[in-house]
Amino acid sequence: MGRRIDYYDDPNAPKANSMVPSVNVVVTNDEDEILLIRRTDNDNWSLPGGAIDLGESLAQAGVRETREESGIDCEITGLVGIYTDPKHVLHYTSNDEVRQEFTIVLTGRPVGGQPTPSDESSEVRWVAPDDLSDYTMDRSMRRRLERFLSAEDTPEIS
């Protein structure tokens, strides 16, 4: 399996050669805990998510990716923001693809399932917002979570 390497505003980063619309979902339970996965391709903690496939809507992709990576079924409830910063690139070493960030971050609530690791996640857990600083994650993922926790009424667009 290849690795995923995130770069931000790094002059030594490889140049982007693709842009793939993707989705992350901030799923919160009744205790206001946030669903996190530990990615197998870089060992960072992350919101569940991934590429939007042809033939599916944004919401369908969010539900599918959350289920595949975490074992949790969710329904989509809102929008946190849209992130397309060209300074953030993601290098997938398995095929040397270098993507410019293009992620739409949604909110959701669980409707079933149990936290279950997958090929893409080595761990899945519910995390209290006050404990998020204890989890290693890419700066872009942390920014998305901070935006969600800020309770801003309007989506962030960057």
C-alpha atoms as a PDB file:
ATOM      1  CA  MET A   1       0.000   0.000   0.000  1.00  0.00           C
ATOM      2  CA  GLY A   2       1.213   3.477  -0.810  1.00  0.00           C
ATOM      3  CA  ARG A   3       1.370   6.409   1.526  1.00  0.00           C
ATOM      4  CA  ARG A   4      -0.422   9.746   1.519  1.00  0.00           C
ATOM      5  CA  ILE A   5       1.713  12.776   2.237  1.00  0.00           C
ATOM      6  CA  ASP A   6       0.082  16.154   2.878  1.00  0.00           C
ATOM      7  CA  TYR A   7       1.993  19.313   2.053  1.00  0.00           C
ATOM      8  CA  TYR A   8       0.988  22.866   2.883  1.00  0.00           C
ATOM      9  CA  ASP A   9       2.708  25.890   1.377  1.00  0.00           C
ATOM     10  CA  ASP A  10       5.871  23.828   0.960  1.00  0.00           C
ATOM     11  CA  PRO A  11       8.246  24.938  -1.833  1.00  0.00           C
ATOM     12  CA  ASN A  12       9.586  21.359  -1.987  1.00  0.00           C
ATOM     13  CA  ALA A  13       6.145  19.807  -2.485  1.00  0.00           C
ATOM     14  CA  PRO A  14       5.493  18.096  -5.802  1.00  0.00           C
ATOM     15  CA  LYS A  15       3.272  20.005  -8.229  1.00  0.00           C
ATOM     16  CA  ALA A  16      -0.398  19.052  -8.353  1.00  0.00           C
ATOM     17  CA  ASN A  17      -1.396  16.927 -11.338  1.00  0.00           C
ATOM     18  CA  SER A  18      -5.082  16.367 -10.492  1.00  0.00           C
ATOM     19  CA  MET A  19      -8.066  17.675  -8.596  1.00  0.00           C
ATOM     20  CA  VAL A  20     -10.633  15.201  -7.267  1.00  0.00           C
ATOM     21  CA  PRO A  21     -13.783  16.416  -5.512  1.00  0.00           C
ATOM     22  CA  SER A  22     -13.980  14.754  -2.113  1.00  0.00           C
ATOM     23  CA  VAL A  23     -16.041  14.889   1.049  1.00  0.00           C
ATOM     24  CA  ASN A  24     -15.428  14.672   4.809  1.00  0.00           C
ATOM     25  CA  VAL A  25     -18.210  14.280   7.348  1.00  0.00           C
ATOM     26  CA  VAL A  26     -18.199  15.608  10.917  1.00  0.00           C
ATOM     27  CA  VAL A  27     -20.461  13.006  12.540  1.00  0.00           C
ATOM     28  CA  THR A  28     -21.470  13.865  16.104  1.00  0.00           C
ATOM     29  CA  ASN A  29     -23.301  11.594  18.524  1.00  0.00           C
ATOM     30  CA  ASP A  30     -25.763  12.464  21.320  1.00  0.00           C
ATOM     31  CA  GLU A  31     -22.834  13.191  23.680  1.00  0.00           C
ATOM     32  CA  ASP A  32     -21.450  15.724  21.137  1.00  0.00           C
ATOM     33  CA  GLU A  33     -18.445  13.480  20.496  1.00  0.00           C
ATOM     34  CA  ILE A  34     -16.907  13.549  17.019  1.00  0.00           C
ATOM     35  CA  LEU A  35     -16.264  10.422  14.963  1.00  0.00           C
ATOM     36  CA  LEU A  36     -12.579  10.080  14.026  1.00  0.00           C
ATOM     37  CA  ILE A  37     -10.676   7.464  12.086  1.00  0.00           C
ATOM     38  CA  ARG A  38      -6.940   6.753  12.116  1.00  0.00           C
ATOM     39  CA  ARG A  39      -5.872   6.593   8.470  1.00  0.00           C
ATOM     40  CA  THR A  40      -3.840   3.567   7.402  1.00  0.00           C
ATOM     41  CA  ASP A  41      -1.985   5.532   4.699  1.00  0.00           C
ATOM     42  CA  ASN A  42      -0.369   8.098   7.038  1.00  0.00           C
ATOM     43  CA  ASP A  43      -1.370   7.161  10.631  1.00  0.00           C
ATOM     44  CA  ASN A  44      -3.018  10.571  11.133  1.00  0.00           C
ATOM     45  CA  TRP A  45      -6.439  10.984  12.692  1.00  0.00           C
ATOM     46  CA  SER A  46      -9.099  12.299  10.355  1.00  0.00           C
ATOM     47  CA  LEU A  47     -12.768  12.742   9.718  1.00  0.00           C
ATOM     48  CA  PRO A  48     -14.129   9.940   7.557  1.00  0.00           C
ATOM     49  CA  GLY A  49     -14.332  10.795   3.885  1.00  0.00           C
ATOM     50  CA  GLY A  50     -13.021  10.345   0.399  1.00  0.00           C
ATOM     51  CA  ALA A  51     -13.607  10.899  -3.286  1.00  0.00           C
ATOM     52  CA  ILE A  52     -17.057  11.498  -4.729  1.00  0.00           C
ATOM     53  CA  ASP A  53     -17.739   8.768  -7.292  1.00  0.00           C
ATOM     54  CA  LEU A  54     -19.411   9.337 -10.633  1.00  0.00           C
ATOM     55  CA  GLY A  55     -23.130   8.701 -10.352  1.00  0.00           C
ATOM     56  CA  GLU A  56     -23.487   9.669  -6.696  1.00  0.00           C
ATOM     57  CA  SER A  57     -24.403  12.907  -4.989  1.00  0.00           C
ATOM     58  CA  LEU A  58     -22.278  14.712  -2.440  1.00  0.00           C
ATOM     59  CA  ALA A  59     -24.510  13.481   0.402  1.00  0.00           C
ATOM     60  CA  GLN A  60     -24.452   9.894  -0.909  1.00  0.00           C
ATOM     61  CA  ALA A  61     -20.648   9.992  -1.053  1.00  0.00           C
ATOM     62  CA  GLY A  62     -20.469  11.292   2.527  1.00  0.00           C
ATOM     63  CA  VAL A  63     -22.737   8.528   3.815  1.00  0.00           C
ATOM     64  CA  ARG A  64     -20.899   5.839   1.812  1.00  0.00           C
ATOM     65  CA  GLU A  65     -17.407   6.959   2.832  1.00  0.00           C
ATOM     66  CA  THR A  66     -18.393   7.247   6.495  1.00  0.00           C
ATOM     67  CA  ARG A  67     -19.843   3.728   6.478  1.00  0.00           C
ATOM     68  CA  GLU A  68     -16.855   2.244   4.582  1.00  0.00           C
ATOM     69  CA  GLU A  69     -14.194   3.823   6.788  1.00  0.00           C
ATOM     70  CA  SER A  70     -15.875   3.747  10.200  1.00  0.00           C
ATOM     71  CA  GLY A  71     -18.747   1.241  10.263  1.00  0.00           C
ATOM     72  CA  ILE A  72     -21.118   4.080  11.214  1.00  0.00           C
ATOM     73  CA  ASP A  73     -24.247   4.800   9.182  1.00  0.00           C
ATOM     74  CA  CYS A  74     -25.102   8.494   9.175  1.00  0.00           C
ATOM     75  CA  GLU A  75     -27.465  11.015   7.712  1.00  0.00           C
ATOM     76  CA  ILE A  76     -26.212  14.337   6.424  1.00  0.00           C
ATOM     77  CA  THR A  77     -27.417  17.403   8.330  1.00  0.00           C
ATOM     78  CA  GLY A  78     -25.423  20.400   7.110  1.00  0.00           C
ATOM     79  CA  LEU A  79     -22.356  22.036   5.606  1.00  0.00           C
ATOM     80  CA  VAL A  80     -19.159  23.199   7.367  1.00  0.00           C
ATOM     81  CA  GLY A  81     -17.286  24.489   4.337  1.00  0.00           C
ATOM     82  CA  ILE A  82     -15.603  24.015   0.984  1.00  0.00           C
ATOM     83  CA  TYR A  83     -11.809  23.822   0.915  1.00  0.00           C
ATOM     84  CA  THR A  84      -9.850  24.282  -2.345  1.00  0.00           C
ATOM     85  CA  ASP A  85      -6.601  25.885  -1.181  1.00  0.00           C
ATOM     86  CA  PRO A  86      -3.964  25.357  -3.933  1.00  0.00           C
ATOM     87  CA  LYS A  87      -1.251  25.555  -1.244  1.00  0.00           C
ATOM     88  CA  HIS A  88      -2.490  22.197   0.131  1.00  0.00           C
ATOM     89  CA  VAL A  89      -1.494  19.217  -2.014  1.00  0.00           C
ATOM     90  CA  LEU A  90      -1.834  15.515  -1.267  1.00  0.00           C
ATOM     91  CA  HIS A  91       0.756  13.105  -2.706  1.00  0.00           C
ATOM     92  CA  TYR A  92      -0.354   9.493  -3.137  1.00  0.00           C
ATOM     93  CA  THR A  93       2.862   7.517  -3.505  1.00  0.00           C
ATOM     94  CA  SER A  94       1.200   4.370  -4.901  1.00  0.00           C
ATOM     95  CA  ASN A  95       0.564   6.045  -8.274  1.00  0.00           C
ATOM     96  CA  ASP A  96       2.409   9.364  -7.853  1.00  0.00           C
ATOM     97  CA  GLU A  97      -0.858  11.301  -8.044  1.00  0.00           C
ATOM     98  CA  VAL A  98      -0.598  14.763  -6.494  1.00  0.00           C
ATOM     99  CA  ARG A  99      -3.995  16.329  -5.834  1.00  0.00           C
ATOM    100  CA  GLN A 100      -4.841  19.911  -5.129  1.00  0.00           C
ATOM    101  CA  GLU A 101      -7.188  20.018  -2.163  1.00  0.00           C
ATOM    102  CA  PHE A 102     -10.890  20.030  -3.068  1.00  0.00           C
ATOM    103  CA  THR A 103     -12.912  18.916  -0.073  1.00  0.00           C
ATOM    104  CA  ILE A 104     -16.476  19.664   0.923  1.00  0.00           C
ATOM    105  CA  VAL A 105     -17.023  19.155   4.650  1.00  0.00           C
ATOM    106  CA  LEU A 106     -20.510  18.157   5.781  1.00  0.00           C
ATOM    107  CA  THR A 107     -22.083  17.490   9.163  1.00  0.00           C
ATOM    108  CA  GLY A 108     -23.969  14.351  10.044  1.00  0.00           C
ATOM    109  CA  ARG A 109     -25.543  12.341  12.808  1.00  0.00           C
ATOM    110  CA  PRO A 110     -25.264   8.586  13.370  1.00  0.00           C
ATOM    111  CA  VAL A 111     -28.292   6.430  12.592  1.00  0.00           C
ATOM    112  CA  GLY A 112     -26.746   2.987  13.077  1.00  0.00           C
ATOM    113  CA  GLY A 113     -23.676   0.813  12.976  1.00  0.00           C
ATOM    114  CA  GLN A 114     -20.738   0.309  15.320  1.00  0.00           C
ATOM    115  CA  PRO A 115     -17.240   1.833  15.142  1.00  0.00           C
ATOM    116  CA  THR A 116     -15.320  -0.679  13.023  1.00  0.00           C
ATOM    117  CA  PRO A 117     -11.883  -0.288  11.390  1.00  0.00           C
ATOM    118  CA  SER A 118     -11.468  -0.944   7.664  1.00  0.00           C
ATOM    119  CA  ASP A 119      -8.702  -1.215   5.068  1.00  0.00           C
ATOM    120  CA  GLU A 120      -8.516   2.592   5.212  1.00  0.00           C
ATOM    121  CA  SER A 121      -8.773   3.005   9.008  1.00  0.00           C
ATOM    122  CA  SER A 122      -6.773   1.217  11.684  1.00  0.00           C
ATOM    123  CA  GLU A 123      -8.838   2.715  14.535  1.00  0.00           C
ATOM    124  CA  VAL A 124     -12.265   4.336  14.850  1.00  0.00           C
ATOM    125  CA  ARG A 125     -13.442   6.214  17.914  1.00  0.00           C
ATOM    126  CA  TRP A 126     -15.750   8.879  19.278  1.00  0.00           C
ATOM    127  CA  VAL A 127     -13.720  11.804  20.631  1.00  0.00           C
ATOM    128  CA  ALA A 128     -14.812  14.617  22.935  1.00  0.00           C
ATOM    129  CA  PRO A 129     -14.064  18.045  21.427  1.00  0.00           C
ATOM    130  CA  ASP A 130     -11.844  18.948  24.412  1.00  0.00           C
ATOM    131  CA  ASP A 131      -9.640  15.928  23.627  1.00  0.00           C
ATOM    132  CA  LEU A 132      -9.035  16.664  19.919  1.00  0.00           C
ATOM    133  CA  SER A 133      -5.684  18.343  20.605  1.00  0.00           C
ATOM    134  CA  ASP A 134      -4.362  14.950  21.781  1.00  0.00           C
ATOM    135  CA  TYR A 135      -4.799  13.488  18.274  1.00  0.00           C
ATOM    136  CA  THR A 136      -2.178  13.852  15.532  1.00  0.00           C
ATOM    137  CA  MET A 137      -3.758  15.183  12.333  1.00  0.00           C
ATOM    138  CA  ASP A 138      -2.893  17.240   9.300  1.00  0.00           C
ATOM    139  CA  ARG A 139      -3.239  21.020   9.754  1.00  0.00           C
ATOM    140  CA  SER A 140      -5.999  21.135   7.110  1.00  0.00           C
ATOM    141  CA  MET A 141      -8.065  18.527   8.980  1.00  0.00           C
ATOM    142  CA  ARG A 142      -7.593  20.396  12.245  1.00  0.00           C
ATOM    143  CA  ARG A 143      -8.735  23.607  10.538  1.00  0.00           C
ATOM    144  CA  ARG A 144     -11.934  21.896   9.357  1.00  0.00           C
ATOM    145  CA  LEU A 145     -12.670  20.677  12.881  1.00  0.00           C
ATOM    146  CA  GLU A 146     -11.951  24.101  14.367  1.00  0.00           C
ATOM    147  CA  ARG A 147     -14.375  25.654  11.892  1.00  0.00           C
ATOM    148  CA  PHE A 148     -17.056  23.133  12.867  1.00  0.00           C
ATOM    149  CA  LEU A 149     -16.474  23.780  16.578  1.00  0.00           C
ATOM    150  CA  SER A 150     -16.624  27.557  16.076  1.00  0.00           C
ATOM    151  CA  ALA A 151     -20.387  27.203  15.438  1.00  0.00           C
ATOM    152  CA  GLU A 152     -20.260  29.788  12.641  1.00  0.00           C
ATOM    153  CA  ASP A 153     -23.585  30.003  10.830  1.00  0.00           C
ATOM    154  CA  THR A 154     -22.159  30.401   7.344  1.00  0.00           C
ATOM    155  CA  PRO A 155     -19.974  27.827   5.584  1.00  0.00           C
ATOM    156  CA  GLU A 156     -16.286  28.563   5.187  1.00  0.00           C
ATOM    157  CA  ILE A 157     -15.104  28.805   1.591  1.00  0.00           C
ATOM    158  CA  SER A 158     -11.388  28.785   0.898  1.00  0.00           C
END
